[in-house]
N, C-alpha and C. Protein backbone atom coordinates (compact mmCIF):
# COMPACT_ATOMS: atom_id res chain seq x y z
N UNK A 1 -11.54 21.39 -10.79
CA UNK A 1 -10.74 21.51 -9.62
C UNK A 1 -10.86 22.91 -9.04
N UNK A 2 -10.94 23.06 -7.78
CA UNK A 2 -11.07 24.36 -7.12
C UNK A 2 -9.67 24.95 -6.90
N UNK A 3 -9.43 26.12 -7.35
CA UNK A 3 -8.13 26.78 -7.11
C UNK A 3 -8.21 27.58 -5.83
N UNK A 4 -7.28 27.42 -4.98
CA UNK A 4 -7.19 28.23 -3.77
C UNK A 4 -5.92 29.06 -3.87
N UNK A 5 -5.96 30.28 -3.39
CA UNK A 5 -4.76 31.11 -3.43
C UNK A 5 -4.08 30.99 -2.12
N UNK A 6 -2.91 30.38 -2.15
CA UNK A 6 -2.09 30.23 -0.95
C UNK A 6 -0.84 31.06 -1.18
N UNK A 7 -0.58 31.91 -0.21
CA UNK A 7 0.67 32.71 -0.43
C UNK A 7 1.85 31.81 -0.42
N UNK A 8 2.75 32.03 -1.36
CA UNK A 8 3.94 31.16 -1.47
C UNK A 8 5.13 31.90 -0.98
N UNK A 9 6.07 31.12 -0.42
CA UNK A 9 7.34 31.66 0.07
C UNK A 9 8.25 31.94 -1.15
N UNK A 10 9.10 32.90 -1.08
CA UNK A 10 10.01 33.14 -2.15
C UNK A 10 10.92 31.93 -2.44
N UNK A 11 11.06 31.54 -3.66
CA UNK A 11 11.96 30.42 -4.00
C UNK A 11 11.18 29.06 -3.91
N UNK A 12 9.94 29.06 -3.50
CA UNK A 12 9.18 27.77 -3.32
C UNK A 12 8.44 27.52 -4.60
N UNK A 13 8.41 26.25 -5.00
CA UNK A 13 7.68 25.86 -6.22
C UNK A 13 6.16 26.01 -5.94
N UNK A 14 5.42 26.33 -6.98
CA UNK A 14 3.98 26.41 -6.82
C UNK A 14 3.38 25.03 -6.34
N UNK A 15 2.28 25.11 -5.67
CA UNK A 15 1.70 23.87 -5.09
C UNK A 15 1.31 22.85 -6.16
N UNK A 16 0.78 23.32 -7.29
CA UNK A 16 0.37 22.36 -8.33
C UNK A 16 1.56 21.58 -8.85
N UNK A 17 2.76 22.24 -8.92
CA UNK A 17 3.95 21.52 -9.39
C UNK A 17 4.36 20.44 -8.35
N UNK A 18 4.23 20.79 -7.05
CA UNK A 18 4.49 19.81 -6.00
C UNK A 18 3.61 18.60 -6.08
N UNK A 19 2.33 18.83 -6.33
CA UNK A 19 1.35 17.73 -6.46
C UNK A 19 1.71 16.92 -7.68
N UNK A 20 1.99 17.52 -8.79
CA UNK A 20 2.35 16.81 -10.02
C UNK A 20 3.56 15.92 -9.79
N UNK A 21 4.55 16.44 -9.04
CA UNK A 21 5.75 15.58 -8.74
C UNK A 21 5.41 14.37 -7.94
N UNK A 22 4.52 14.55 -6.90
CA UNK A 22 4.11 13.41 -6.03
C UNK A 22 3.33 12.38 -6.89
N UNK A 23 2.48 12.81 -7.77
CA UNK A 23 1.67 11.88 -8.57
C UNK A 23 2.56 11.14 -9.59
N UNK A 24 3.61 11.83 -10.10
CA UNK A 24 4.54 11.18 -11.00
C UNK A 24 5.25 10.04 -10.37
N UNK A 25 5.58 10.12 -9.06
CA UNK A 25 6.28 9.09 -8.37
C UNK A 25 5.49 7.74 -8.30
N UNK A 26 4.19 7.84 -8.34
CA UNK A 26 3.36 6.64 -8.34
C UNK A 26 2.95 6.18 -6.98
N UNK A 27 2.15 5.12 -6.93
CA UNK A 27 1.56 4.63 -5.69
C UNK A 27 2.47 3.59 -5.01
N UNK A 28 3.73 3.87 -4.83
CA UNK A 28 4.67 2.83 -4.29
C UNK A 28 4.29 2.49 -2.88
N UNK A 29 3.87 3.46 -2.07
CA UNK A 29 3.48 3.14 -0.68
C UNK A 29 2.29 2.24 -0.56
N UNK A 30 1.27 2.50 -1.45
CA UNK A 30 0.06 1.71 -1.44
C UNK A 30 0.36 0.31 -1.96
N UNK A 31 1.23 0.13 -2.93
CA UNK A 31 1.64 -1.17 -3.43
C UNK A 31 2.39 -1.96 -2.36
N UNK A 32 3.26 -1.29 -1.64
CA UNK A 32 3.99 -1.93 -0.60
C UNK A 32 3.06 -2.44 0.55
N UNK A 33 2.13 -1.61 0.91
CA UNK A 33 1.20 -1.96 2.01
C UNK A 33 0.34 -3.15 1.54
N UNK A 34 -0.16 -3.12 0.31
CA UNK A 34 -0.97 -4.21 -0.22
C UNK A 34 -0.13 -5.47 -0.29
N UNK A 35 1.13 -5.40 -0.68
CA UNK A 35 1.98 -6.60 -0.75
C UNK A 35 2.24 -7.21 0.57
N UNK A 36 2.44 -6.35 1.58
CA UNK A 36 2.70 -6.83 2.97
C UNK A 36 1.44 -7.49 3.51
N UNK A 37 0.24 -6.90 3.30
CA UNK A 37 -1.00 -7.50 3.74
C UNK A 37 -1.28 -8.79 3.07
N UNK A 38 -1.02 -8.92 1.84
CA UNK A 38 -1.18 -10.15 1.07
C UNK A 38 -0.24 -11.24 1.58
N UNK A 39 0.96 -10.86 1.86
CA UNK A 39 1.98 -11.85 2.36
C UNK A 39 1.53 -12.31 3.76
N UNK A 40 0.99 -11.49 4.58
CA UNK A 40 0.51 -11.87 5.91
C UNK A 40 -0.67 -12.89 5.76
N UNK A 41 -1.62 -12.54 4.93
CA UNK A 41 -2.77 -13.44 4.74
C UNK A 41 -2.33 -14.81 4.17
N UNK A 42 -1.40 -14.85 3.22
CA UNK A 42 -0.89 -16.09 2.67
C UNK A 42 -0.15 -16.90 3.78
N UNK A 43 0.66 -16.25 4.57
CA UNK A 43 1.40 -16.88 5.66
C UNK A 43 0.40 -17.49 6.69
N UNK A 44 -0.65 -16.76 7.00
CA UNK A 44 -1.62 -17.30 7.96
C UNK A 44 -2.37 -18.53 7.31
N UNK A 45 -2.64 -18.46 6.03
CA UNK A 45 -3.30 -19.60 5.39
C UNK A 45 -2.44 -20.83 5.41
N UNK A 46 -1.16 -20.63 5.07
CA UNK A 46 -0.22 -21.80 5.07
C UNK A 46 -0.07 -22.37 6.46
N UNK A 47 0.02 -21.46 7.46
CA UNK A 47 0.16 -21.90 8.86
C UNK A 47 -1.06 -22.71 9.24
N UNK A 48 -2.25 -22.26 8.95
CA UNK A 48 -3.45 -23.02 9.29
C UNK A 48 -3.41 -24.39 8.55
N UNK A 49 -3.05 -24.39 7.27
CA UNK A 49 -3.04 -25.62 6.51
C UNK A 49 -2.10 -26.64 7.06
N UNK A 50 -0.85 -26.21 7.35
CA UNK A 50 0.16 -27.16 7.83
C UNK A 50 0.01 -27.50 9.33
N UNK A 51 -0.48 -26.60 10.13
CA UNK A 51 -0.49 -26.83 11.53
C UNK A 51 -1.85 -27.35 12.04
N UNK A 52 -2.93 -27.17 11.29
CA UNK A 52 -4.23 -27.60 11.77
C UNK A 52 -4.81 -28.66 10.84
N UNK A 53 -4.86 -28.34 9.52
CA UNK A 53 -5.58 -29.24 8.60
C UNK A 53 -4.81 -30.54 8.40
N UNK A 54 -3.55 -30.51 8.02
CA UNK A 54 -2.80 -31.71 7.73
C UNK A 54 -2.68 -32.69 8.95
N UNK A 55 -2.38 -32.19 10.11
CA UNK A 55 -2.28 -33.10 11.30
C UNK A 55 -3.61 -33.90 11.58
N UNK A 56 -4.74 -33.40 11.12
CA UNK A 56 -6.01 -34.13 11.36
C UNK A 56 -6.09 -35.38 10.54
N UNK A 57 -5.32 -35.44 9.46
CA UNK A 57 -5.38 -36.59 8.59
C UNK A 57 -6.42 -36.61 7.51
N UNK A 58 -6.45 -37.71 6.79
CA UNK A 58 -7.40 -37.85 5.65
C UNK A 58 -8.73 -38.31 6.22
N UNK A 59 -9.81 -37.70 5.71
CA UNK A 59 -11.12 -38.05 6.10
C UNK A 59 -11.59 -39.24 5.24
N UNK A 60 -12.05 -40.37 5.84
CA UNK A 60 -12.47 -41.57 5.11
C UNK A 60 -13.94 -41.64 5.10
């Protein structure tokens, strides 16, 4: 990793500690976004199935 020297304000935590804290919290935003996208795709699939496929009836 490349270290850069950034002047810090008095009383401010070092940047690497801030990054460590963010990483410790985990990928909750990414998981929420993936869950929402998956729910939308599933809802669209069910809508297509019930509104388009089933009304056409059984193929003989």
